[in-house]
Amino acid sequence: MPDPKYAIEVRDLRKTYAATGKMQEKQALKGISLQIPTGSIFGLLGPNGAGKSTFINILAGLVKKTSGTAEIWGLDIDAHPRQSRAAIGVVNQEVVADPFFTPFEMLELMAGFYGVPKAERRSVEILTALGLADKKDAYVRQLSGGMKRRLMVAKALVHNPPVLILDEPTAGVDVELRRLMWDYVRELHANGTTVILTTHYLEEAEELCDTIAIVNHGEIIACEPTSKLLSRLDYKTLIITPREPITAIPAELAMHEPKLRPDGTLAITFKTAETGIGRLLEKVRAAGISIADLSTKSPDLEDVFIALTSDKVA
């Protein structure tokens, strides 16, 4: 059978948690619809409490949806619960591992749960790829936090799922280990695995994801190719390094509300559709500022994220 067009497809997915004790009824998901293309690296971003983990836990079978439909690899999660969930590997935020098992034993046990024949198991291969080969026979309790995080990724891969969901996989992991993990994710993606990523490291999403959805208050407020999402904010910042130090903002530039930075540079943010860099530079020179160097900065994903999820927008 050919691969489905969408690795994950959900329609009007809703989840309401009933009131309990002092807790009021809460709508965690308010009718989410998403189509995640097969073969993509898809980013799912949003502030804490936005509904990301509820969405993932519904797909993983850990939370029961209130209404709506969800398909994983073309299989409805209600009609085909075992087959659909066998098509995904989920790396949750929490580290769940028996401290008295070794990494190798854990992977062999998980492979057994998924019915992977011994001849087809790749425990050593997966541990090696994630930099854990030399720890395969150590007890899990002896591993560092970063190693345990990588072990969670390894557990999710034992049955060779076509879809991998990574929920904050690099939280608490140092830069070197983070790079190692992302190199392996890229390798998996190159070999055909569809990757869904949630992360608080926005630079990671910007670097890795081809499409990004932003969820806030249980609703999708944006879902676009990363490049298109970054173009949403129609402004740039012109950063000028004066030849001579300036101590006050010249009156000629006051209307642009420039900022004098601690390092002595002058930052002027402007709407690209309204003001050209040439006109700004003319005003800078008219103000008597001699330019030693200049650069421009375009909005990054963090700027877009803040703009879309701020209370003003939400």
C-alpha atoms as a PDB file:
ATOM      1  CA  MET A   1       0.000   0.000   0.000  1.00  0.00           C
ATOM      2  CA  PRO A   2       1.234   3.498  -0.750  1.00  0.00           C
ATOM      3  CA  ASP A   3       1.845   5.863   2.148  1.00  0.00           C
ATOM      4  CA  PRO A   4      -1.169   8.002   3.079  1.00  0.00           C
ATOM      5  CA  LYS A   5      -1.182  11.667   2.065  1.00  0.00           C
ATOM      6  CA  TYR A   6      -1.397  12.739   5.691  1.00  0.00           C
ATOM      7  CA  ALA A   7       0.507  11.125   8.529  1.00  0.00           C
ATOM      8  CA  ILE A   8      -1.986  12.599  11.005  1.00  0.00           C
ATOM      9  CA  GLU A   9      -5.386  14.081  10.206  1.00  0.00           C
ATOM     10  CA  VAL A  10      -7.785  15.397  12.838  1.00  0.00           C
ATOM     11  CA  ARG A  11     -11.168  17.048  12.312  1.00  0.00           C
ATOM     12  CA  ASP A  12     -12.987  19.167  14.883  1.00  0.00           C
ATOM     13  CA  LEU A  13     -11.118  17.479  17.740  1.00  0.00           C
ATOM     14  CA  ARG A  14     -12.488  18.502  21.131  1.00  0.00           C
ATOM     15  CA  LYS A  15     -11.631  17.637  24.713  1.00  0.00           C
ATOM     16  CA  THR A  16     -13.499  18.895  27.756  1.00  0.00           C
ATOM     17  CA  TYR A  17     -12.324  17.934  31.234  1.00  0.00           C
ATOM     18  CA  ALA A  18     -15.264  17.620  33.625  1.00  0.00           C
ATOM     19  CA  ALA A  19     -15.439  19.717  36.785  1.00  0.00           C
ATOM     20  CA  THR A  20     -13.939  17.974  39.818  1.00  0.00           C
ATOM     21  CA  GLY A  21     -13.889  19.381  43.334  1.00  0.00           C
ATOM     22  CA  LYS A  22     -12.716  22.974  43.138  1.00  0.00           C
ATOM     23  CA  MET A  23     -11.690  22.622  39.504  1.00  0.00           C
ATOM     24  CA  GLN A  24     -14.136  24.023  36.971  1.00  0.00           C
ATOM     25  CA  GLU A  25     -14.944  22.343  33.676  1.00  0.00           C
ATOM     26  CA  LYS A  26     -12.152  23.055  31.184  1.00  0.00           C
ATOM     27  CA  GLN A  27     -12.159  22.979  27.394  1.00  0.00           C
ATOM     28  CA  ALA A  28      -8.633  21.865  26.560  1.00  0.00           C
ATOM     29  CA  LEU A  29      -9.282  21.517  22.808  1.00  0.00           C
ATOM     30  CA  LYS A  30     -11.939  23.596  21.065  1.00  0.00           C
ATOM     31  CA  GLY A  31     -12.399  21.963  17.690  1.00  0.00           C
ATOM     32  CA  ILE A  32      -8.884  21.509  16.324  1.00  0.00           C
ATOM     33  CA  SER A  33      -8.535  20.458  12.690  1.00  0.00           C
ATOM     34  CA  LEU A  34      -5.074  19.616  11.328  1.00  0.00           C
ATOM     35  CA  GLN A  35      -3.584  17.807   8.357  1.00  0.00           C
ATOM     36  CA  ILE A  36       0.063  16.867   8.888  1.00  0.00           C
ATOM     37  CA  PRO A  37       1.619  15.807   5.559  1.00  0.00           C
ATOM     38  CA  THR A  38       3.482  12.539   5.343  1.00  0.00           C
ATOM     39  CA  GLY A  39       7.251  13.107   5.247  1.00  0.00           C
ATOM     40  CA  SER A  40       7.214  16.510   6.957  1.00  0.00           C
ATOM     41  CA  ILE A  41       8.830  17.883  10.092  1.00  0.00           C
ATOM     42  CA  PHE A  42       5.833  19.588  11.650  1.00  0.00           C
ATOM     43  CA  GLY A  43       6.103  22.009  14.559  1.00  0.00           C
ATOM     44  CA  LEU A  44       3.327  22.336  17.139  1.00  0.00           C
ATOM     45  CA  LEU A  45       3.962  25.394  19.275  1.00  0.00           C
ATOM     46  CA  GLY A  46       2.027  27.159  21.989  1.00  0.00           C
ATOM     47  CA  PRO A  47       2.316  28.465  25.556  1.00  0.00           C
ATOM     48  CA  ASN A  48       1.911  26.211  28.578  1.00  0.00           C
ATOM     49  CA  GLY A  49      -1.692  25.061  28.928  1.00  0.00           C
ATOM     50  CA  ALA A  50      -2.483  25.719  25.267  1.00  0.00           C
ATOM     51  CA  GLY A  51      -3.585  22.124  24.605  1.00  0.00           C
ATOM     52  CA  LYS A  52      -0.490  20.600  22.977  1.00  0.00           C
ATOM     53  CA  SER A  53      -0.061  17.736  25.459  1.00  0.00           C
ATOM     54  CA  THR A  54      -3.787  16.934  25.421  1.00  0.00           C
ATOM     55  CA  PHE A  55      -3.634  16.663  21.627  1.00  0.00           C
ATOM     56  CA  ILE A  56      -0.630  14.322  21.783  1.00  0.00           C
ATOM     57  CA  ASN A  57      -2.100  12.205  24.584  1.00  0.00           C
ATOM     58  CA  ILE A  58      -5.321  11.677  22.591  1.00  0.00           C
ATOM     59  CA  LEU A  59      -3.265  10.353  19.673  1.00  0.00           C
ATOM     60  CA  ALA A  60      -1.250   8.147  22.040  1.00  0.00           C
ATOM     61  CA  GLY A  61      -4.408   6.690  23.595  1.00  0.00           C
ATOM     62  CA  LEU A  62      -3.739   8.164  27.035  1.00  0.00           C
ATOM     63  CA  VAL A  63      -6.649  10.645  26.947  1.00  0.00           C
ATOM     64  CA  LYS A  64     -10.133  10.010  25.545  1.00  0.00           C
ATOM     65  CA  LYS A  65     -11.384  12.705  23.197  1.00  0.00           C
ATOM     66  CA  THR A  66     -14.779  14.284  23.778  1.00  0.00           C
ATOM     67  CA  SER A  67     -15.679  14.501  20.090  1.00  0.00           C
ATOM     68  CA  GLY A  68     -14.214  14.800  16.616  1.00  0.00           C
ATOM     69  CA  THR A  69     -12.152  12.340  14.594  1.00  0.00           C
ATOM     70  CA  ALA A  70      -8.459  11.524  14.425  1.00  0.00           C
ATOM     71  CA  GLU A  71      -6.511   9.347  12.015  1.00  0.00           C
ATOM     72  CA  ILE A  72      -2.905   8.182  12.310  1.00  0.00           C
ATOM     73  CA  TRP A  73      -1.325   6.870   9.108  1.00  0.00           C
ATOM     74  CA  GLY A  74      -4.789   6.663   7.558  1.00  0.00           C
ATOM     75  CA  LEU A  75      -6.227   4.645  10.470  1.00  0.00           C
ATOM     76  CA  ASP A  76      -9.048   5.998  12.639  1.00  0.00           C
ATOM     77  CA  ILE A  77      -8.017   5.852  16.322  1.00  0.00           C
ATOM     78  CA  ASP A  78     -11.498   4.615  17.346  1.00  0.00           C
ATOM     79  CA  ALA A  79     -12.021   2.013  14.619  1.00  0.00           C
ATOM     80  CA  HIS A  80      -8.400   0.763  14.636  1.00  0.00           C
ATOM     81  CA  PRO A  81      -6.944   1.622  18.057  1.00  0.00           C
ATOM     82  CA  ARG A  82      -4.084  -0.918  18.099  1.00  0.00           C
ATOM     83  CA  GLN A  83      -2.962  -0.450  14.503  1.00  0.00           C
ATOM     84  CA  SER A  84      -3.154   3.340  14.566  1.00  0.00           C
ATOM     85  CA  ARG A  85      -1.134   3.649  17.760  1.00  0.00           C
ATOM     86  CA  ALA A  86       1.428   1.176  16.509  1.00  0.00           C
ATOM     87  CA  ALA A  87       2.080   3.680  13.693  1.00  0.00           C
ATOM     88  CA  ILE A  88       3.427   6.320  16.095  1.00  0.00           C
ATOM     89  CA  GLY A  89       6.240   6.598  18.576  1.00  0.00           C
ATOM     90  CA  VAL A  90       5.692   9.192  21.282  1.00  0.00           C
ATOM     91  CA  VAL A  91       8.414  10.826  23.365  1.00  0.00           C
ATOM     92  CA  ASN A  92       6.653  12.521  26.279  1.00  0.00           C
ATOM     93  CA  GLN A  93       8.041  15.333  28.412  1.00  0.00           C
ATOM     94  CA  GLU A  94       8.296  13.080  31.481  1.00  0.00           C
ATOM     95  CA  VAL A  95      11.144  10.590  31.800  1.00  0.00           C
ATOM     96  CA  VAL A  96       9.526   7.215  32.527  1.00  0.00           C
ATOM     97  CA  ALA A  97      12.046   4.430  33.011  1.00  0.00           C
ATOM     98  CA  ASP A  98      12.583   1.602  35.484  1.00  0.00           C
ATOM     99  CA  PRO A  99      15.823   2.487  37.329  1.00  0.00           C
ATOM    100  CA  PHE A 100      16.804  -1.185  37.691  1.00  0.00           C
ATOM    101  CA  PHE A 101      16.690  -1.987  33.977  1.00  0.00           C
ATOM    102  CA  THR A 102      19.537  -1.383  31.560  1.00  0.00           C
ATOM    103  CA  PRO A 103      18.879   0.634  28.380  1.00  0.00           C
ATOM    104  CA  PHE A 104      19.298  -2.516  26.302  1.00  0.00           C
ATOM    105  CA  GLU A 105      16.823  -4.447  28.459  1.00  0.00           C
ATOM    106  CA  MET A 106      14.312  -1.591  28.237  1.00  0.00           C
ATOM    107  CA  LEU A 107      14.439  -1.474  24.446  1.00  0.00           C
ATOM    108  CA  GLU A 108      14.161  -5.257  24.163  1.00  0.00           C
ATOM    109  CA  LEU A 109      11.148  -5.200  26.499  1.00  0.00           C
ATOM    110  CA  MET A 110       9.421  -2.419  24.505  1.00  0.00           C
ATOM    111  CA  ALA A 111      10.118  -4.254  21.245  1.00  0.00           C
ATOM    112  CA  GLY A 112       8.455  -7.320  22.761  1.00  0.00           C
ATOM    113  CA  PHE A 113       5.392  -5.275  23.704  1.00  0.00           C
ATOM    114  CA  TYR A 114       5.063  -4.225  20.058  1.00  0.00           C
ATOM    115  CA  GLY A 115       5.535  -7.777  18.815  1.00  0.00           C
ATOM    116  CA  VAL A 116       8.822  -7.106  17.034  1.00  0.00           C
ATOM    117  CA  PRO A 117      10.523 -10.469  16.294  1.00  0.00           C
ATOM    118  CA  LYS A 118      13.966 -10.856  17.877  1.00  0.00           C
ATOM    119  CA  ALA A 119      15.631 -11.125  14.486  1.00  0.00           C
ATOM    120  CA  GLU A 120      14.212  -7.687  13.510  1.00  0.00           C
ATOM    121  CA  ARG A 121      15.037  -5.776  16.698  1.00  0.00           C
ATOM    122  CA  ARG A 122      17.438  -2.840  16.414  1.00  0.00           C
ATOM    123  CA  SER A 123      18.178  -2.099  20.081  1.00  0.00           C
ATOM    124  CA  VAL A 124      21.954  -1.753  19.756  1.00  0.00           C
ATOM    125  CA  GLU A 125      21.638   0.209  16.493  1.00  0.00           C
ATOM    126  CA  ILE A 126      19.228   2.717  18.071  1.00  0.00           C
ATOM    127  CA  LEU A 127      21.318   3.107  21.243  1.00  0.00           C
ATOM    128  CA  THR A 128      24.434   3.678  19.142  1.00  0.00           C
ATOM    129  CA  ALA A 129      22.730   6.317  17.002  1.00  0.00           C
ATOM    130  CA  LEU A 130      21.694   8.211  20.145  1.00  0.00           C
ATOM    131  CA  GLY A 131      25.135   8.039  21.759  1.00  0.00           C
ATOM    132  CA  LEU A 132      24.167   5.439  24.374  1.00  0.00           C
ATOM    133  CA  ALA A 133      26.058   2.377  23.118  1.00  0.00           C
ATOM    134  CA  ASP A 134      28.605   2.537  25.949  1.00  0.00           C
ATOM    135  CA  LYS A 135      25.762   2.696  28.501  1.00  0.00           C
ATOM    136  CA  LYS A 136      23.645  -0.133  27.105  1.00  0.00           C
ATOM    137  CA  ASP A 137      24.430  -2.418  30.066  1.00  0.00           C
ATOM    138  CA  ALA A 138      24.425   0.257  32.802  1.00  0.00           C
ATOM    139  CA  TYR A 139      21.422   0.661  35.078  1.00  0.00           C
ATOM    140  CA  VAL A 140      19.070   3.461  34.066  1.00  0.00           C
ATOM    141  CA  ARG A 141      19.498   5.036  37.520  1.00  0.00           C
ATOM    142  CA  GLN A 142      23.170   5.598  36.665  1.00  0.00           C
ATOM    143  CA  LEU A 143      22.389   7.697  33.574  1.00  0.00           C
ATOM    144  CA  SER A 144      22.483  11.479  33.504  1.00  0.00           C
ATOM    145  CA  GLY A 145      19.342  13.497  32.810  1.00  0.00           C
ATOM    146  CA  GLY A 146      20.351  14.037  29.194  1.00  0.00           C
ATOM    147  CA  MET A 147      21.010  10.333  28.667  1.00  0.00           C
ATOM    148  CA  LYS A 148      17.618   9.430  30.120  1.00  0.00           C
ATOM    149  CA  ARG A 149      15.999  11.902  27.728  1.00  0.00           C
ATOM    150  CA  ARG A 150      17.732  10.226  24.779  1.00  0.00           C
ATOM    151  CA  LEU A 151      16.653   6.831  26.106  1.00  0.00           C
ATOM    152  CA  MET A 152      13.018   8.009  25.885  1.00  0.00           C
ATOM    153  CA  VAL A 153      13.593   8.742  22.193  1.00  0.00           C
ATOM    154  CA  ALA A 154      15.126   5.286  21.760  1.00  0.00           C
ATOM    155  CA  LYS A 155      12.092   3.632  23.400  1.00  0.00           C
ATOM    156  CA  ALA A 156       9.767   5.361  20.938  1.00  0.00           C
ATOM    157  CA  LEU A 157      11.702   3.990  17.960  1.00  0.00           C
ATOM    158  CA  VAL A 158      11.902   0.264  18.764  1.00  0.00           C
ATOM    159  CA  HIS A 159       8.966  -0.655  16.485  1.00  0.00           C
ATOM    160  CA  ASN A 160      10.190   1.534  13.623  1.00  0.00           C
ATOM    161  CA  PRO A 161       7.072   3.765  13.511  1.00  0.00           C
ATOM    162  CA  PRO A 162       6.451   5.901  10.413  1.00  0.00           C
ATOM    163  CA  VAL A 163       5.411   8.817  12.670  1.00  0.00           C
ATOM    164  CA  LEU A 164       7.474  10.134  15.587  1.00  0.00           C
ATOM    165  CA  ILE A 165       6.011  12.647  18.063  1.00  0.00           C
ATOM    166  CA  LEU A 166       8.551  14.541  20.156  1.00  0.00           C
ATOM    167  CA  ASP A 167       7.032  16.458  23.081  1.00  0.00           C
ATOM    168  CA  GLU A 168       9.704  18.850  24.409  1.00  0.00           C
ATOM    169  CA  PRO A 169      12.440  16.253  23.762  1.00  0.00           C
ATOM    170  CA  THR A 170      15.406  18.550  24.504  1.00  0.00           C
ATOM    171  CA  ALA A 171      14.145  20.118  27.731  1.00  0.00           C
ATOM    172  CA  GLY A 172      17.040  20.089  30.196  1.00  0.00           C
ATOM    173  CA  VAL A 173      19.494  18.739  27.623  1.00  0.00           C
ATOM    174  CA  ASP A 174      22.758  20.606  27.056  1.00  0.00           C
ATOM    175  CA  VAL A 175      23.637  22.115  23.687  1.00  0.00           C
ATOM    176  CA  GLU A 176      25.942  19.293  22.568  1.00  0.00           C
ATOM    177  CA  LEU A 177      23.410  16.561  23.342  1.00  0.00           C
ATOM    178  CA  ARG A 178      20.652  18.620  21.730  1.00  0.00           C
ATOM    179  CA  ARG A 179      22.646  18.808  18.494  1.00  0.00           C
ATOM    180  CA  LEU A 180      23.273  15.056  18.593  1.00  0.00           C
ATOM    181  CA  MET A 181      19.568  14.400  19.021  1.00  0.00           C
ATOM    182  CA  TRP A 182      18.583  16.731  16.180  1.00  0.00           C
ATOM    183  CA  ASP A 183      21.157  15.167  13.869  1.00  0.00           C
ATOM    184  CA  TYR A 184      19.475  11.821  14.486  1.00  0.00           C
ATOM    185  CA  VAL A 185      16.010  13.318  13.954  1.00  0.00           C
ATOM    186  CA  ARG A 186      17.173  14.704  10.606  1.00  0.00           C
ATOM    187  CA  GLU A 187      18.531  11.273   9.690  1.00  0.00           C
ATOM    188  CA  LEU A 188      15.202   9.635  10.577  1.00  0.00           C
ATOM    189  CA  HIS A 189      13.365  12.249   8.527  1.00  0.00           C
ATOM    190  CA  ALA A 190      15.682  11.707   5.562  1.00  0.00           C
ATOM    191  CA  ASN A 191      14.792   8.011   5.745  1.00  0.00           C
ATOM    192  CA  GLY A 192      11.071   8.760   5.556  1.00  0.00           C
ATOM    193  CA  THR A 193       9.907   9.254   9.146  1.00  0.00           C
ATOM    194  CA  THR A 194       7.322  12.003   9.691  1.00  0.00           C
ATOM    195  CA  VAL A 195       8.274  14.055  12.757  1.00  0.00           C
ATOM    196  CA  ILE A 196       5.910  16.140  14.902  1.00  0.00           C
ATOM    197  CA  LEU A 197       7.745  18.400  17.320  1.00  0.00           C
ATOM    198  CA  THR A 198       6.679  20.519  20.258  1.00  0.00           C
ATOM    199  CA  THR A 199       9.373  22.698  21.759  1.00  0.00           C
ATOM    200  CA  HIS A 200       9.958  25.850  23.774  1.00  0.00           C
ATOM    201  CA  TYR A 201      13.220  26.412  21.897  1.00  0.00           C
ATOM    202  CA  LEU A 202      11.838  28.508  19.084  1.00  0.00           C
ATOM    203  CA  GLU A 203      15.134  28.594  17.218  1.00  0.00           C
ATOM    204  CA  GLU A 204      14.896  24.801  16.922  1.00  0.00           C
ATOM    205  CA  ALA A 205      11.446  24.966  15.362  1.00  0.00           C
ATOM    206  CA  GLU A 206      12.610  27.691  13.003  1.00  0.00           C
ATOM    207  CA  GLU A 207      15.628  25.646  11.935  1.00  0.00           C
ATOM    208  CA  LEU A 208      13.996  22.209  11.702  1.00  0.00           C
ATOM    209  CA  CYS A 209      10.318  22.520  10.812  1.00  0.00           C
ATOM    210  CA  ASP A 210       8.957  23.005   7.312  1.00  0.00           C
ATOM    211  CA  THR A 211       5.448  23.743   8.635  1.00  0.00           C
ATOM    212  CA  ILE A 212       4.359  25.149  12.001  1.00  0.00           C
ATOM    213  CA  ALA A 213       0.992  25.270  13.753  1.00  0.00           C
ATOM    214  CA  ILE A 214       0.506  27.551  16.736  1.00  0.00           C
ATOM    215  CA  VAL A 215      -2.128  26.563  19.281  1.00  0.00           C
ATOM    216  CA  ASN A 216      -3.453  28.904  21.962  1.00  0.00           C
ATOM    217  CA  HIS A 217      -6.329  28.407  24.394  1.00  0.00           C
ATOM    218  CA  GLY A 218      -7.184  25.103  22.713  1.00  0.00           C
ATOM    219  CA  GLU A 219      -7.473  26.549  19.197  1.00  0.00           C
ATOM    220  CA  ILE A 220      -5.210  26.641  16.134  1.00  0.00           C
ATOM    221  CA  ILE A 221      -4.455  30.306  15.488  1.00  0.00           C
ATOM    222  CA  ALA A 222      -1.935  29.757  12.690  1.00  0.00           C
ATOM    223  CA  CYS A 223      -0.811  26.849  10.506  1.00  0.00           C
ATOM    224  CA  GLU A 224       1.536  27.734   7.682  1.00  0.00           C
ATOM    225  CA  PRO A 225       4.886  26.917   6.095  1.00  0.00           C
ATOM    226  CA  THR A 226       7.608  28.290   8.363  1.00  0.00           C
ATOM    227  CA  SER A 227       8.782  30.824   5.780  1.00  0.00           C
ATOM    228  CA  LYS A 228       5.246  32.201   5.349  1.00  0.00           C
ATOM    229  CA  LEU A 229       4.719  32.395   9.102  1.00  0.00           C
ATOM    230  CA  LEU A 230       7.927  34.403   9.480  1.00  0.00           C
ATOM    231  CA  SER A 231       6.729  36.863   6.859  1.00  0.00           C
ATOM    232  CA  ARG A 232       3.599  37.714   8.873  1.00  0.00           C
ATOM    233  CA  LEU A 233       5.274  40.582  10.690  1.00  0.00           C
ATOM    234  CA  ASP A 234       5.795  43.387   8.195  1.00  0.00           C
ATOM    235  CA  TYR A 235       8.713  45.128   9.801  1.00  0.00           C
ATOM    236  CA  LYS A 236      12.492  45.165  10.041  1.00  0.00           C
ATOM    237  CA  THR A 237      14.943  46.684  12.474  1.00  0.00           C
ATOM    238  CA  LEU A 238      17.773  48.875  11.187  1.00  0.00           C
ATOM    239  CA  ILE A 239      20.760  48.741  13.531  1.00  0.00           C
ATOM    240  CA  ILE A 240      23.257  51.584  13.164  1.00  0.00           C
ATOM    241  CA  THR A 241      26.700  51.876  14.711  1.00  0.00           C
ATOM    242  CA  PRO A 242      27.652  55.610  14.819  1.00  0.00           C
ATOM    243  CA  ARG A 243      31.237  56.713  14.263  1.00  0.00           C
ATOM    244  CA  GLU A 244      30.922  59.041  17.222  1.00  0.00           C
ATOM    245  CA  PRO A 245      28.980  58.080  20.367  1.00  0.00           C
ATOM    246  CA  ILE A 246      25.544  59.660  20.695  1.00  0.00           C
ATOM    247  CA  THR A 247      23.880  60.276  24.050  1.00  0.00           C
ATOM    248  CA  ALA A 248      20.383  61.354  22.984  1.00  0.00           C
ATOM    249  CA  ILE A 249      17.889  60.605  20.231  1.00  0.00           C
ATOM    250  CA  PRO A 250      17.976  63.372  17.562  1.00  0.00           C
ATOM    251  CA  ALA A 251      14.662  65.170  17.014  1.00  0.00           C
ATOM    252  CA  GLU A 252      14.751  64.290  13.300  1.00  0.00           C
ATOM    253  CA  LEU A 253      14.326  60.585  14.209  1.00  0.00           C
ATOM    254  CA  ALA A 254      11.889  60.910  17.118  1.00  0.00           C
ATOM    255  CA  MET A 255       8.827  59.950  15.045  1.00  0.00           C
ATOM    256  CA  HIS A 256      10.373  56.492  14.409  1.00  0.00           C
ATOM    257  CA  GLU A 257      10.835  55.884  18.168  1.00  0.00           C
ATOM    258  CA  PRO A 258      14.424  54.595  17.861  1.00  0.00           C
ATOM    259  CA  LYS A 259      16.145  52.905  20.778  1.00  0.00           C
ATOM    260  CA  LEU A 260      19.656  53.756  21.935  1.00  0.00           C
ATOM    261  CA  ARG A 261      21.161  50.451  23.028  1.00  0.00           C
ATOM    262  CA  PRO A 262      23.685  49.974  25.857  1.00  0.00           C
ATOM    263  CA  ASP A 263      26.354  49.012  23.303  1.00  0.00           C
ATOM    264  CA  GLY A 264      26.004  52.424  21.633  1.00  0.00           C
ATOM    265  CA  THR A 265      24.090  51.229  18.582  1.00  0.00           C
ATOM    266  CA  LEU A 266      20.867  52.853  17.431  1.00  0.00           C
ATOM    267  CA  ALA A 267      17.950  50.526  16.597  1.00  0.00           C
ATOM    268  CA  ILE A 268      15.100  51.784  14.398  1.00  0.00           C
ATOM    269  CA  THR A 269      12.142  49.472  13.777  1.00  0.00           C
ATOM    270  CA  PHE A 270      10.062  50.293  10.717  1.00  0.00           C
ATOM    271  CA  LYS A 271       7.249  48.859   8.582  1.00  0.00           C
ATOM    272  CA  THR A 272       8.751  47.748   5.292  1.00  0.00           C
ATOM    273  CA  ALA A 273       5.602  48.624   3.336  1.00  0.00           C
ATOM    274  CA  GLU A 274       5.664  52.219   4.574  1.00  0.00           C
ATOM    275  CA  THR A 275       9.295  53.198   4.936  1.00  0.00           C
ATOM    276  CA  GLY A 276      12.328  52.266   2.875  1.00  0.00           C
ATOM    277  CA  ILE A 277      15.831  51.907   4.285  1.00  0.00           C
ATOM    278  CA  GLY A 278      17.022  54.657   1.915  1.00  0.00           C
ATOM    279  CA  ARG A 279      14.661  57.228   3.414  1.00  0.00           C
ATOM    280  CA  LEU A 280      15.654  56.215   6.930  1.00  0.00           C
ATOM    281  CA  LEU A 281      19.344  56.578   6.136  1.00  0.00           C
ATOM    282  CA  GLU A 282      18.707  60.060   4.698  1.00  0.00           C
ATOM    283  CA  LYS A 283      17.075  61.063   7.982  1.00  0.00           C
ATOM    284  CA  VAL A 284      19.961  59.575   9.970  1.00  0.00           C
ATOM    285  CA  ARG A 285      22.489  61.597   7.987  1.00  0.00           C
ATOM    286  CA  ALA A 286      20.296  64.740   8.243  1.00  0.00           C
ATOM    287  CA  ALA A 287      20.423  64.273  12.019  1.00  0.00           C
ATOM    288  CA  GLY A 288      24.211  64.570  11.840  1.00  0.00           C
ATOM    289  CA  ILE A 289      24.975  60.934  12.575  1.00  0.00           C
ATOM    290  CA  SER A 290      27.998  59.527  10.763  1.00  0.00           C
ATOM    291  CA  ILE A 291      27.592  55.783  10.161  1.00  0.00           C
ATOM    292  CA  ALA A 292      30.436  53.381  10.921  1.00  0.00           C
ATOM    293  CA  ASP A 293      28.399  50.214  10.291  1.00  0.00           C
ATOM    294  CA  LEU A 294      24.808  49.102   9.810  1.00  0.00           C
ATOM    295  CA  SER A 295      22.747  45.936   9.588  1.00  0.00           C
ATOM    296  CA  THR A 296      19.101  44.885   9.411  1.00  0.00           C
ATOM    297  CA  LYS A 297      17.236  42.267  11.407  1.00  0.00           C
ATOM    298  CA  SER A 298      14.056  40.558  10.224  1.00  0.00           C
ATOM    299  CA  PRO A 299      11.480  39.135  12.649  1.00  0.00           C
ATOM    300  CA  ASP A 300      12.168  35.597  13.851  1.00  0.00           C
ATOM    301  CA  LEU A 301       9.747  32.909  14.965  1.00  0.00           C
ATOM    302  CA  GLU A 302       9.788  34.152  18.551  1.00  0.00           C
ATOM    303  CA  ASP A 303       8.506  37.550  17.407  1.00  0.00           C
ATOM    304  CA  VAL A 304       5.664  35.896  15.487  1.00  0.00           C
ATOM    305  CA  PHE A 305       4.874  33.572  18.389  1.00  0.00           C
ATOM    306  CA  ILE A 306       4.634  36.442  20.870  1.00  0.00           C
ATOM    307  CA  ALA A 307       2.503  38.513  18.507  1.00  0.00           C
ATOM    308  CA  LEU A 308       0.055  35.681  17.862  1.00  0.00           C
ATOM    309  CA  THR A 309      -0.258  34.354  21.423  1.00  0.00           C
ATOM    310  CA  SER A 310      -0.322  37.636  23.320  1.00  0.00           C
ATOM    311  CA  ASP A 311      -3.530  38.421  25.172  1.00  0.00           C
ATOM    312  CA  LYS A 312      -4.249  41.231  22.706  1.00  0.00           C
ATOM    313  CA  VAL A 313      -4.433  38.733  19.864  1.00  0.00           C
ATOM    314  CA  ALA A 314      -5.904  35.797  21.733  1.00  0.00           C
END
